[in-house]
Amino acid sequence: MSERVNATVLLLFGDQAEITTPHRDASDPERVPVARLVKETGIAREELAGAELVAVIGDDGELKRFERA
């Protein structure tokens, strides 16, 4: 069963976005390709920093999908 959690895009660093979730805070953020976030959420790259998202976490603990909050 998958879990849905709130996620926040902290910042963009090159082609990667740093994201926090209840499982990963700002001291150890998840890194996700910016292109993936743009494709899955429809949010433009220049609007991603600070964006509030919903992350879907699979049974294996991996981030499977992102959605607009």
C-alpha atoms as a PDB file:
ATOM      1  CA  MET A   1       0.000   0.000   0.000  1.00  0.00           C
ATOM      2  CA  SER A   2       1.350   3.438  -0.883  1.00  0.00           C
ATOM      3  CA  GLU A   3       1.504   6.422   1.454  1.00  0.00           C
ATOM      4  CA  ARG A   4       0.765  10.046   0.546  1.00  0.00           C
ATOM      5  CA  VAL A   5       2.765  12.704   2.382  1.00  0.00           C
ATOM      6  CA  ASN A   6       3.234  16.454   2.162  1.00  0.00           C
ATOM      7  CA  ALA A   7       6.441  17.544   0.482  1.00  0.00           C
ATOM      8  CA  THR A   8       8.108  20.924   0.022  1.00  0.00           C
ATOM      9  CA  VAL A   9      10.618  21.914  -2.644  1.00  0.00           C
ATOM     10  CA  LEU A  10      13.383  23.694  -0.724  1.00  0.00           C
ATOM     11  CA  LEU A  11      15.529  24.774  -3.646  1.00  0.00           C
ATOM     12  CA  LEU A  12      16.780  23.892  -7.085  1.00  0.00           C
ATOM     13  CA  PHE A  13      20.433  23.009  -7.573  1.00  0.00           C
ATOM     14  CA  GLY A  14      21.289  22.547 -11.234  1.00  0.00           C
ATOM     15  CA  ASP A  15      19.012  19.842 -12.603  1.00  0.00           C
ATOM     16  CA  GLN A  16      18.085  18.566  -9.116  1.00  0.00           C
ATOM     17  CA  ALA A  17      15.477  19.731  -6.606  1.00  0.00           C
ATOM     18  CA  GLU A  18      15.890  19.258  -2.865  1.00  0.00           C
ATOM     19  CA  ILE A  19      12.646  18.133  -1.251  1.00  0.00           C
ATOM     20  CA  THR A  20      11.597  17.649   2.349  1.00  0.00           C
ATOM     21  CA  THR A  21       8.968  15.198   3.568  1.00  0.00           C
ATOM     22  CA  PRO A  22       7.999  13.994   7.049  1.00  0.00           C
ATOM     23  CA  HIS A  23      10.629  11.265   6.510  1.00  0.00           C
ATOM     24  CA  ARG A  24      13.435  13.563   5.225  1.00  0.00           C
ATOM     25  CA  ASP A  25      13.985  17.005   6.734  1.00  0.00           C
ATOM     26  CA  ALA A  26      16.124  19.940   5.575  1.00  0.00           C
ATOM     27  CA  SER A  27      19.285  18.393   7.039  1.00  0.00           C
ATOM     28  CA  ASP A  28      18.928  15.396   4.692  1.00  0.00           C
ATOM     29  CA  PRO A  29      16.555  16.305   1.840  1.00  0.00           C
ATOM     30  CA  GLU A  30      15.576  13.984  -0.975  1.00  0.00           C
ATOM     31  CA  ARG A  31      17.063  14.912  -4.349  1.00  0.00           C
ATOM     32  CA  VAL A  32      14.776  14.572  -7.347  1.00  0.00           C
ATOM     33  CA  PRO A  33      15.330  15.576 -10.987  1.00  0.00           C
ATOM     34  CA  VAL A  34      13.672  18.906 -11.769  1.00  0.00           C
ATOM     35  CA  ALA A  35      12.441  17.538 -15.108  1.00  0.00           C
ATOM     36  CA  ARG A  36      10.532  14.803 -13.260  1.00  0.00           C
ATOM     37  CA  LEU A  37       8.787  17.327 -10.996  1.00  0.00           C
ATOM     38  CA  VAL A  38       7.836  19.532 -13.947  1.00  0.00           C
ATOM     39  CA  LYS A  39       6.455  16.532 -15.854  1.00  0.00           C
ATOM     40  CA  GLU A  40       4.506  15.043 -12.924  1.00  0.00           C
ATOM     41  CA  THR A  41       3.122  18.266 -11.409  1.00  0.00           C
ATOM     42  CA  GLY A  42       2.879  20.631 -14.374  1.00  0.00           C
ATOM     43  CA  ILE A  43       4.562  23.334 -12.285  1.00  0.00           C
ATOM     44  CA  ALA A  44       7.044  25.407 -14.290  1.00  0.00           C
ATOM     45  CA  ARG A  45      10.703  25.152 -13.258  1.00  0.00           C
ATOM     46  CA  GLU A  46      10.841  28.807 -12.214  1.00  0.00           C
ATOM     47  CA  GLU A  47       7.903  28.255  -9.824  1.00  0.00           C
ATOM     48  CA  LEU A  48       9.150  25.047  -8.153  1.00  0.00           C
ATOM     49  CA  ALA A  49      11.263  26.515  -5.338  1.00  0.00           C
ATOM     50  CA  GLY A  50       8.971  26.750  -2.327  1.00  0.00           C
ATOM     51  CA  ALA A  51       6.202  24.710  -3.965  1.00  0.00           C
ATOM     52  CA  GLU A  52       4.037  22.538  -1.732  1.00  0.00           C
ATOM     53  CA  LEU A  53       3.486  19.063  -3.185  1.00  0.00           C
ATOM     54  CA  VAL A  54       2.092  15.667  -2.297  1.00  0.00           C
ATOM     55  CA  ALA A  55       4.526  12.786  -2.647  1.00  0.00           C
ATOM     56  CA  VAL A  56       3.347   9.225  -3.128  1.00  0.00           C
ATOM     57  CA  ILE A  57       5.677   6.758  -1.433  1.00  0.00           C
ATOM     58  CA  GLY A  58       5.595   3.137  -2.553  1.00  0.00           C
ATOM     59  CA  ASP A  59       5.831   0.041  -0.386  1.00  0.00           C
ATOM     60  CA  ASP A  60       9.578   0.023  -0.980  1.00  0.00           C
ATOM     61  CA  GLY A  61       9.940   3.512   0.562  1.00  0.00           C
ATOM     62  CA  GLU A  62      10.797   5.137  -2.787  1.00  0.00           C
ATOM     63  CA  LEU A  63       9.109   8.314  -4.002  1.00  0.00           C
ATOM     64  CA  LYS A  64       6.867   7.041  -6.798  1.00  0.00           C
ATOM     65  CA  ARG A  65       5.041  10.175  -7.897  1.00  0.00           C
ATOM     66  CA  PHE A  66       4.529  13.848  -7.112  1.00  0.00           C
ATOM     67  CA  GLU A  67       1.301  15.828  -7.358  1.00  0.00           C
ATOM     68  CA  ARG A  68       0.263  19.411  -6.727  1.00  0.00           C
ATOM     69  CA  ALA A  69      -0.878  19.919  -3.157  1.00  0.00           C
END
